[in-house]
C-alpha atoms as a PDB file:
ATOM      1  CA  MET A   1     -32.110 -15.904  -2.605  1.00  0.00           C
ATOM      2  CA  ALA A   2     -33.651 -13.238  -4.846  1.00  0.00           C
ATOM      3  CA  LYS A   3     -32.882 -11.357  -8.027  1.00  0.00           C
ATOM      4  CA  ARG A   4     -31.056  -8.160  -7.100  1.00  0.00           C
ATOM      5  CA  LYS A   5     -28.241  -5.815  -8.067  1.00  0.00           C
ATOM      6  CA  ILE A   6     -24.744  -7.077  -7.312  1.00  0.00           C
ATOM      7  CA  VAL A   7     -21.200  -6.469  -8.494  1.00  0.00           C
ATOM      8  CA  GLU A   8     -19.698  -8.575 -11.282  1.00  0.00           C
ATOM      9  CA  ILE A   9     -15.925  -8.672 -11.886  1.00  0.00           C
ATOM     10  CA  ASN A  10     -14.432  -9.345 -15.303  1.00  0.00           C
ATOM     11  CA  GLU A  11     -11.255 -11.240 -14.404  1.00  0.00           C
ATOM     12  CA  GLU A  12      -9.849 -10.861 -17.915  1.00  0.00           C
ATOM     13  CA  LEU A  13      -9.853  -7.061 -17.526  1.00  0.00           C
ATOM     14  CA  CYS A  14      -8.839  -7.049 -13.848  1.00  0.00           C
ATOM     15  CA  ASP A  15      -5.138  -6.353 -13.246  1.00  0.00           C
ATOM     16  CA  GLY A  16      -5.305  -6.827  -9.479  1.00  0.00           C
ATOM     17  CA  CYS A  17      -4.475  -3.212  -8.581  1.00  0.00           C
ATOM     18  CA  GLY A  18      -6.690  -3.393  -5.471  1.00  0.00           C
ATOM     19  CA  GLN A  19      -8.333   0.025  -5.725  1.00  0.00           C
ATOM     20  CA  CYS A  20     -11.807  -1.540  -5.599  1.00  0.00           C
ATOM     21  CA  VAL A  21     -10.831  -3.283  -2.340  1.00  0.00           C
ATOM     22  CA  LEU A  22     -10.124   0.086  -0.755  1.00  0.00           C
ATOM     23  CA  SER A  23     -13.446   1.566  -1.851  1.00  0.00           C
ATOM     24  CA  CYS A  24     -15.607  -1.333  -0.626  1.00  0.00           C
ATOM     25  CA  ALA A  25     -16.543  -0.497   2.969  1.00  0.00           C
ATOM     26  CA  GLU A  26     -18.171  -3.900   3.417  1.00  0.00           C
ATOM     27  CA  GLY A  27     -14.995  -5.812   2.540  1.00  0.00           C
ATOM     28  CA  ALA A  28     -16.893  -7.748  -0.122  1.00  0.00           C
ATOM     29  CA  ILE A  29     -13.955  -7.702  -2.549  1.00  0.00           C
ATOM     30  CA  GLU A  30     -10.482  -9.138  -1.979  1.00  0.00           C
ATOM     31  CA  ILE A  31      -7.443  -9.711  -4.161  1.00  0.00           C
ATOM     32  CA  ILE A  32      -7.014 -13.477  -4.522  1.00  0.00           C
ATOM     33  CA  ASP A  33      -4.322 -14.950  -6.775  1.00  0.00           C
ATOM     34  CA  GLY A  34      -3.731 -11.521  -8.300  1.00  0.00           C
ATOM     35  CA  LYS A  35      -7.386 -10.846  -9.222  1.00  0.00           C
ATOM     36  CA  ALA A  36     -10.259  -9.018  -7.536  1.00  0.00           C
ATOM     37  CA  LYS A  37     -12.940 -11.466  -6.410  1.00  0.00           C
ATOM     38  CA  LEU A  38     -16.300 -11.162  -4.682  1.00  0.00           C
ATOM     39  CA  VAL A  39     -15.873 -12.856  -1.303  1.00  0.00           C
ATOM     40  CA  LYS A  40     -19.551 -13.599  -0.730  1.00  0.00           C
ATOM     41  CA  ASP A  41     -22.785 -12.374  -2.309  1.00  0.00           C
ATOM     42  CA  SER A  42     -24.311 -11.438   1.054  1.00  0.00           C
ATOM     43  CA  TYR A  43     -21.446  -8.986   1.721  1.00  0.00           C
ATOM     44  CA  CYS A  44     -22.161  -6.904  -1.416  1.00  0.00           C
ATOM     45  CA  ASP A  45     -24.826  -4.191  -1.088  1.00  0.00           C
ATOM     46  CA  GLY A  46     -24.986  -3.660  -4.860  1.00  0.00           C
ATOM     47  CA  LEU A  47     -24.605   0.126  -4.613  1.00  0.00           C
ATOM     48  CA  GLY A  48     -21.469   0.141  -6.769  1.00  0.00           C
ATOM     49  CA  ALA A  49     -19.133   2.351  -4.722  1.00  0.00           C
ATOM     50  CA  CYS A  50     -16.264   0.289  -6.140  1.00  0.00           C
ATOM     51  CA  LEU A  51     -17.049   0.919  -9.822  1.00  0.00           C
ATOM     52  CA  GLY A  52     -15.480   4.348 -10.165  1.00  0.00           C
ATOM     53  CA  GLU A  53     -12.211   3.186  -8.621  1.00  0.00           C
ATOM     54  CA  CYS A  54     -11.421   0.565 -11.284  1.00  0.00           C
ATOM     55  CA  PRO A  55      -8.947   1.937 -13.869  1.00  0.00           C
ATOM     56  CA  GLN A  56      -9.600  -1.041 -16.176  1.00  0.00           C
ATOM     57  CA  GLY A  57     -13.404  -0.943 -16.129  1.00  0.00           C
ATOM     58  CA  ALA A  58     -13.484  -4.522 -14.863  1.00  0.00           C
ATOM     59  CA  LEU A  59     -16.432  -3.992 -12.492  1.00  0.00           C
ATOM     60  CA  LEU A  60     -20.121  -3.815 -13.373  1.00  0.00           C
ATOM     61  CA  ILE A  61     -23.385  -3.840 -11.456  1.00  0.00           C
ATOM     62  CA  ILE A  62     -25.715  -6.504 -12.836  1.00  0.00           C
ATOM     63  CA  GLU A  63     -28.964  -8.130 -11.748  1.00  0.00           C
ATOM     64  CA  ARG A  64     -28.875 -11.822 -10.923  1.00  0.00           C
ATOM     65  CA  ASP A  65     -30.090 -14.315  -8.340  1.00  0.00           C
ATOM     66  CA  ALA A  66     -28.048 -13.783  -5.192  1.00  0.00           C
ATOM     67  CA  ASP A  67     -28.288 -14.044  -1.432  1.00  0.00           C
ATOM     68  CA  GLU A  68     -29.707 -10.906   0.173  1.00  0.00           C
ATOM     69  CA  PHE A  69     -27.280  -8.319   1.508  1.00  0.00           C
ATOM     70  CA  ASP A  70     -26.696  -9.071   5.204  1.00  0.00           C
ATOM     71  CA  PRO A  71     -25.331  -6.088   7.228  1.00  0.00           C
ATOM     72  CA  GLU A  72     -24.942  -8.187  10.383  1.00  0.00           C
ATOM     73  CA  ALA A  73     -22.899 -10.797   8.534  1.00  0.00           C
ATOM     74  CA  VAL A  74     -20.745  -7.999   7.099  1.00  0.00           C
ATOM     75  CA  GLU A  75     -20.095  -6.574  10.556  1.00  0.00           C
ATOM     76  CA  HIS A  76     -19.137 -10.020  11.871  1.00  0.00           C
ATOM     77  CA  TYR A  77     -16.907 -10.688   8.855  1.00  0.00           C
ATOM     78  CA  LEU A  78     -15.086  -7.344   9.170  1.00  0.00           C
ATOM     79  CA  HIS A  79     -14.552  -7.891  12.895  1.00  0.00           C
ATOM     80  CA  GLU A  80     -13.099 -11.361  12.328  1.00  0.00           C
ATOM     81  CA  LYS A  81     -10.907 -10.040   9.516  1.00  0.00           C
ATOM     82  CA  GLU A  82      -9.581  -7.271  11.756  1.00  0.00           C
ATOM     83  CA  GLN A  83      -8.784  -9.782  14.498  1.00  0.00           C
ATOM     84  CA  ARG A  84      -6.933 -12.041  12.036  1.00  0.00           C
ATOM     85  CA  GLU A  85      -4.873  -9.126  10.751  1.00  0.00           C
ATOM     86  CA  LYS A  86      -3.971  -8.039  14.278  1.00  0.00           C
ATOM     87  CA  ALA A  87      -2.978 -11.588  15.193  1.00  0.00           C
ATOM     88  CA  ALA A  88      -0.846 -11.875  12.053  1.00  0.00           C
ATOM     89  CA  GLN A  89       0.940  -8.607  12.806  1.00  0.00           C
ATOM     90  CA  ALA A  90       1.499  -9.596  16.428  1.00  0.00           C
ATOM     91  CA  SER A  91       3.077 -12.892  15.390  1.00  0.00           C
ATOM     92  CA  MET A  92       5.494 -11.410  12.850  1.00  0.00           C
ATOM     93  CA  PRO A  93       8.442 -10.488  15.115  1.00  0.00           C
ATOM     94  CA  CYS A  94       8.826 -14.096  16.488  1.00  0.00           C
ATOM     95  CA  GLY A  95      12.601 -14.037  16.213  1.00  0.00           C
ATOM     96  CA  CYS A  96      12.804 -13.628  12.439  1.00  0.00           C
ATOM     97  CA  PRO A  97      15.843 -11.447  11.576  1.00  0.00           C
ATOM     98  CA  SER A  98      13.812  -9.655   8.892  1.00  0.00           C
ATOM     99  CA  SER A  99      11.637  -8.047  11.577  1.00  0.00           C
ATOM    100  CA  HIS A 100      14.318  -6.951  14.060  1.00  0.00           C
ATOM    101  CA  ILE A 101      14.379  -3.157  14.268  1.00  0.00           C
ATOM    102  CA  GLN A 102      17.779  -1.684  13.491  1.00  0.00           C
ATOM    103  CA  MET A 103      19.027   1.837  12.862  1.00  0.00           C
ATOM    104  CA  PHE A 104      22.269   2.507  10.978  1.00  0.00           C
ATOM    105  CA  ASP A 105      24.681   5.399  11.236  1.00  0.00           C
ATOM    106  CA  THR A 106      25.613   6.392   7.688  1.00  0.00           C
ATOM    107  CA  ALA A 107      27.298   9.702   8.567  1.00  0.00           C
ATOM    108  CA  CYS A 108      30.769  10.209   7.098  1.00  0.00           C
ATOM    109  CA  LYS A 109      30.916   6.719   5.574  1.00  0.00           C
ATOM    110  CA  GLN A 110      31.685   8.193   2.180  1.00  0.00           C
ATOM    111  CA  ALA A 111      34.115  10.879   3.320  1.00  0.00           C
ATOM    112  CA  ASP A 112      37.249   8.896   2.469  1.00  0.00           C
ATOM    113  CA  ARG A 113      35.936   7.354  -0.734  1.00  0.00           C
ATOM    114  CA  PRO A 114      36.941   8.545  -4.213  1.00  0.00           C
ATOM    115  CA  VAL A 115      34.139  10.537  -5.866  1.00  0.00           C
ATOM    116  CA  ALA A 116      33.647   7.810  -8.464  1.00  0.00           C
ATOM    117  CA  GLN A 117      32.857   5.285  -5.722  1.00  0.00           C
ATOM    118  CA  GLN A 118      30.667   7.364  -3.423  1.00  0.00           C
ATOM    119  CA  SER A 119      27.403   6.589  -5.201  1.00  0.00           C
ATOM    120  CA  THR A 120      27.807   2.868  -4.457  1.00  0.00           C
ATOM    121  CA  GLU A 121      27.390   3.326  -0.682  1.00  0.00           C
ATOM    122  CA  SER A 122      24.017   2.322   0.726  1.00  0.00           C
ATOM    123  CA  ALA A 123      21.964   5.237   2.042  1.00  0.00           C
ATOM    124  CA  LEU A 124      19.672   2.983   4.086  1.00  0.00           C
ATOM    125  CA  THR A 125      19.393   4.061   7.735  1.00  0.00           C
ATOM    126  CA  HIS A 126      17.092   1.432   9.248  1.00  0.00           C
ATOM    127  CA  TRP A 127      15.661  -2.082   9.188  1.00  0.00           C
ATOM    128  CA  PRO A 128      13.146  -3.607   8.434  1.00  0.00           C
ATOM    129  CA  VAL A 129      11.891  -1.972   5.248  1.00  0.00           C
ATOM    130  CA  GLN A 130       8.826  -4.045   4.305  1.00  0.00           C
ATOM    131  CA  ILE A 131       5.578  -2.194   5.075  1.00  0.00           C
ATOM    132  CA  ARG A 132       4.053  -5.230   6.797  1.00  0.00           C
ATOM    133  CA  LEU A 133       7.052  -5.672   9.110  1.00  0.00           C
ATOM    134  CA  VAL A 134       7.552  -2.068  10.250  1.00  0.00           C
ATOM    135  CA  PRO A 135       5.685  -1.255  13.486  1.00  0.00           C
ATOM    136  CA  ALA A 136       3.883   2.083  13.482  1.00  0.00           C
ATOM    137  CA  LYS A 137       5.863   3.154  16.557  1.00  0.00           C
ATOM    138  CA  ALA A 138       9.293   2.267  15.166  1.00  0.00           C
ATOM    139  CA  PRO A 139      11.713   4.971  16.386  1.00  0.00           C
ATOM    140  CA  PHE A 140      13.059   5.712  12.917  1.00  0.00           C
ATOM    141  CA  LEU A 141       9.565   6.818  11.791  1.00  0.00           C
ATOM    142  CA  LYS A 142       9.417   9.755  14.212  1.00  0.00           C
ATOM    143  CA  ARG A 143       9.162  13.026  12.191  1.00  0.00           C
ATOM    144  CA  ALA A 144      10.467  11.146   9.153  1.00  0.00           C
ATOM    145  CA  HIS A 145      10.345  11.986   5.482  1.00  0.00           C
ATOM    146  CA  LEU A 146       8.868   8.757   4.118  1.00  0.00           C
ATOM    147  CA  LEU A 147       9.745   7.024   0.869  1.00  0.00           C
ATOM    148  CA  VAL A 148       6.979   4.537   0.084  1.00  0.00           C
ATOM    149  CA  ALA A 149       8.353   2.501  -2.807  1.00  0.00           C
ATOM    150  CA  ALA A 150       6.851  -0.286  -4.872  1.00  0.00           C
ATOM    151  CA  ASP A 151       8.923  -3.468  -4.627  1.00  0.00           C
ATOM    152  CA  CYS A 152      10.046  -3.289  -8.260  1.00  0.00           C
ATOM    153  CA  THR A 153      11.379   0.291  -8.195  1.00  0.00           C
ATOM    154  CA  PRO A 154      14.827  -0.396  -6.670  1.00  0.00           C
ATOM    155  CA  VAL A 155      15.494  -2.830  -9.505  1.00  0.00           C
ATOM    156  CA  ALA A 156      14.106  -0.647 -12.284  1.00  0.00           C
ATOM    157  CA  TYR A 157      15.636   2.670 -11.210  1.00  0.00           C
ATOM    158  CA  ALA A 158      19.438   2.511 -11.215  1.00  0.00           C
ATOM    159  CA  CYS A 159      20.085   5.457  -8.860  1.00  0.00           C
ATOM    160  CA  PHE A 160      17.486   4.469  -6.258  1.00  0.00           C
ATOM    161  CA  HIS A 161      19.738   5.076  -3.237  1.00  0.00           C
ATOM    162  CA  ARG A 162      21.345   8.277  -4.498  1.00  0.00           C
ATOM    163  CA  ASP A 163      18.164   9.965  -5.716  1.00  0.00           C
ATOM    164  CA  PHE A 164      15.514   8.699  -3.297  1.00  0.00           C
ATOM    165  CA  VAL A 165      16.766   6.868  -0.196  1.00  0.00           C
ATOM    166  CA  GLU A 166      19.139   9.495   1.167  1.00  0.00           C
ATOM    167  CA  GLY A 167      17.386  11.547   3.849  1.00  0.00           C
ATOM    168  CA  ARG A 168      14.257   9.404   3.826  1.00  0.00           C
ATOM    169  CA  VAL A 169      12.856   6.404   5.701  1.00  0.00           C
ATOM    170  CA  VAL A 170      12.083   3.636   3.211  1.00  0.00           C
ATOM    171  CA  LEU A 171       9.003   1.415   3.285  1.00  0.00           C
ATOM    172  CA  LEU A 172       8.684  -1.178   0.505  1.00  0.00           C
ATOM    173  CA  GLY A 173       5.613  -3.101  -0.569  1.00  0.00           C
ATOM    174  CA  CYS A 174       3.371  -4.341  -3.356  1.00  0.00           C
ATOM    175  CA  PRO A 175      -0.363  -3.511  -3.300  1.00  0.00           C
ATOM    176  CA  LYS A 176      -1.062  -6.357  -5.724  1.00  0.00           C
ATOM    177  CA  PHE A 177       0.385  -9.175  -3.630  1.00  0.00           C
ATOM    178  CA  ASP A 178      -0.243  -7.727  -0.166  1.00  0.00           C
ATOM    179  CA  ASN A 179      -3.557  -6.651   1.387  1.00  0.00           C
ATOM    180  CA  PRO A 180      -4.366  -2.988   0.524  1.00  0.00           C
ATOM    181  CA  GLY A 181      -6.654  -2.730   3.546  1.00  0.00           C
ATOM    182  CA  GLU A 182      -3.779  -3.718   5.849  1.00  0.00           C
ATOM    183  CA  TYR A 183      -1.647  -1.039   4.201  1.00  0.00           C
ATOM    184  CA  VAL A 184      -4.311   1.616   4.869  1.00  0.00           C
ATOM    185  CA  ASP A 185      -4.522   0.609   8.533  1.00  0.00           C
ATOM    186  CA  LYS A 186      -0.724   0.521   8.925  1.00  0.00           C
ATOM    187  CA  PHE A 187      -0.170   3.946   7.372  1.00  0.00           C
ATOM    188  CA  ALA A 188      -3.106   5.455   9.285  1.00  0.00           C
ATOM    189  CA  ASP A 189      -1.413   4.339  12.511  1.00  0.00           C
ATOM    190  CA  ILE A 190       1.909   5.766  11.304  1.00  0.00           C
ATOM    191  CA  PHE A 191       0.354   9.119  10.426  1.00  0.00           C
ATOM    192  CA  LYS A 192      -1.413   9.261  13.799  1.00  0.00           C
ATOM    193  CA  THR A 193       1.670   8.531  15.891  1.00  0.00           C
ATOM    194  CA  ALA A 194       4.841   9.458  14.014  1.00  0.00           C
ATOM    195  CA  ASP A 195       4.344  13.109  12.945  1.00  0.00           C
ATOM    196  CA  ILE A 196       5.459  12.324   9.381  1.00  0.00           C
ATOM    197  CA  GLN A 197       6.849  15.378   7.592  1.00  0.00           C
ATOM    198  CA  SER A 198       6.452  14.340   3.943  1.00  0.00           C
ATOM    199  CA  VAL A 199       5.767  11.318   1.753  1.00  0.00           C
ATOM    200  CA  THR A 200       7.377  10.427  -1.559  1.00  0.00           C
ATOM    201  CA  VAL A 201       5.591   7.613  -3.388  1.00  0.00           C
ATOM    202  CA  LEU A 202       7.811   5.817  -5.893  1.00  0.00           C
ATOM    203  CA  ASP A 203       5.756   3.540  -8.115  1.00  0.00           C
ATOM    204  CA  MET A 204       5.974   1.828 -11.484  1.00  0.00           C
ATOM    205  CA  GLU A 205       4.053   2.624 -14.646  1.00  0.00           C
ATOM    206  CA  VAL A 206       2.209  -0.714 -14.409  1.00  0.00           C
ATOM    207  CA  PRO A 207      -1.483  -0.442 -13.366  1.00  0.00           C
ATOM    208  CA  CYS A 208      -1.207  -2.415 -10.110  1.00  0.00           C
ATOM    209  CA  CYS A 209       1.115   0.257  -8.689  1.00  0.00           C
ATOM    210  CA  SER A 210      -1.533   2.954  -9.085  1.00  0.00           C
ATOM    211  CA  ALA A 211      -3.107   1.848  -5.798  1.00  0.00           C
ATOM    212  CA  LEU A 212      -0.170   3.085  -3.689  1.00  0.00           C
ATOM    213  CA  PRO A 213      -1.049   6.817  -3.767  1.00  0.00           C
ATOM    214  CA  ALA A 214      -4.723   5.986  -3.164  1.00  0.00           C
ATOM    215  CA  ILE A 215      -3.781   3.850  -0.157  1.00  0.00           C
ATOM    216  CA  LEU A 216      -1.788   6.698   1.373  1.00  0.00           C
ATOM    217  CA  LYS A 217      -4.568   9.237   0.778  1.00  0.00           C
ATOM    218  CA  LYS A 218      -7.114   6.962   2.450  1.00  0.00           C
ATOM    219  CA  ALA A 219      -4.708   6.437   5.347  1.00  0.00           C
ATOM    220  CA  MET A 220      -4.348  10.197   5.777  1.00  0.00           C
ATOM    221  CA  GLU A 221      -8.131  10.590   5.747  1.00  0.00           C
ATOM    222  CA  ALA A 222      -8.464   7.844   8.377  1.00  0.00           C
ATOM    223  CA  SER A 223      -5.784   9.434  10.560  1.00  0.00           C
ATOM    224  CA  GLY A 224      -7.141  12.981  10.264  1.00  0.00           C
ATOM    225  CA  ARG A 225      -3.728  14.204   9.102  1.00  0.00           C
ATOM    226  CA  THR A 226      -2.643  15.807   5.847  1.00  0.00           C
ATOM    227  CA  VAL A 227       0.974  15.253   4.833  1.00  0.00           C
ATOM    228  CA  PRO A 228       2.644  16.734   1.717  1.00  0.00           C
ATOM    229  CA  MET A 229       2.963  13.952  -0.847  1.00  0.00           C
ATOM    230  CA  GLU A 230       4.780  13.582  -4.156  1.00  0.00           C
ATOM    231  CA  GLU A 231       4.194  10.709  -6.579  1.00  0.00           C
ATOM    232  CA  VAL A 232       7.096   9.681  -8.814  1.00  0.00           C
ATOM    233  CA  THR A 233       6.366   7.124 -11.531  1.00  0.00           C
ATOM    234  CA  VAL A 234       9.144   5.027 -13.056  1.00  0.00           C
ATOM    235  CA  SER A 235       8.989   3.156 -16.372  1.00  0.00           C
ATOM    236  CA  VAL A 236       9.950  -0.499 -16.660  1.00  0.00           C
ATOM    237  CA  ARG A 237      13.117   0.753 -18.391  1.00  0.00           C
ATOM    238  CA  GLY A 238      14.055   2.841 -15.367  1.00  0.00           C
ATOM    239  CA  GLU A 239      13.076   6.308 -16.609  1.00  0.00           C
ATOM    240  CA  ILE A 240      11.141   8.811 -14.508  1.00  0.00           C
ATOM    241  CA  LEU A 241       7.862   9.365 -16.351  1.00  0.00           C
ATOM    242  CA  LYS A 242       6.067  11.662 -13.905  1.00  0.00           C
ATOM    243  CA  ARG A 243       6.614  13.731 -10.776  1.00  0.00           C
ATOM    244  CA  GLU A 244       3.403  15.076  -9.302  1.00  0.00           C
ATOM    245  CA  GLN A 245       2.586  16.814  -6.047  1.00  0.00           C
ATOM    246  CA  SER A 246      -0.592  15.392  -4.587  1.00  0.00           C
ATOM    247  CA  ALA A 247      -2.979  16.603  -1.895  1.00  0.00           C
ATOM    248  CA  ALA A 248      -4.717  14.201   0.446  1.00  0.00           C
END
């Protein structure tokens, strides 16, 4: 143990958005119980690549007594983490109805409905919808226009189906409660294999949602593909606050 530079996380300022997790190549930071935490001193190189990604300014580089940075331990840790994530994904289908792939035919369902009732019909064309449950090679992803929506948006935005679901393949998730690194890997695989045509990111005004566009950009970088992307931000009262075209 020696005195050296290392990251310090102010948990009072941290909102658990996960952007620092994405920027730490060593995997030294994880979201645990809704807060960013340093997994182990020896995994942090002290260079501070994560600092600029924190919208709340919750990260600092300080000098304190800490175990030396251990690149070999980092490599072993990242390998084990990757194996655990692969095993978890492989075990998900296991007969659970929430993971069974389904595709729905919605054509002409509204043709005989009165105009006043047509907006109540579901526009969903597939199942599952949770990011973690959708395999990268799911048939409904092929050449799809993706809607990547934060879990809270269907509740906050009253016309979710009418304005966003129709014509798009929906993937729902929460970067605060799920693993942002897993999201990056999942979307990188999707971009590599599915020939995605466009991405609409529907997020909330709350800080933890701000990681979604960053996750998708990193996934595009990892896949070597650039896909047109629009970010739409919804207020907690269900109003659209921002629509912004974004380049990867």
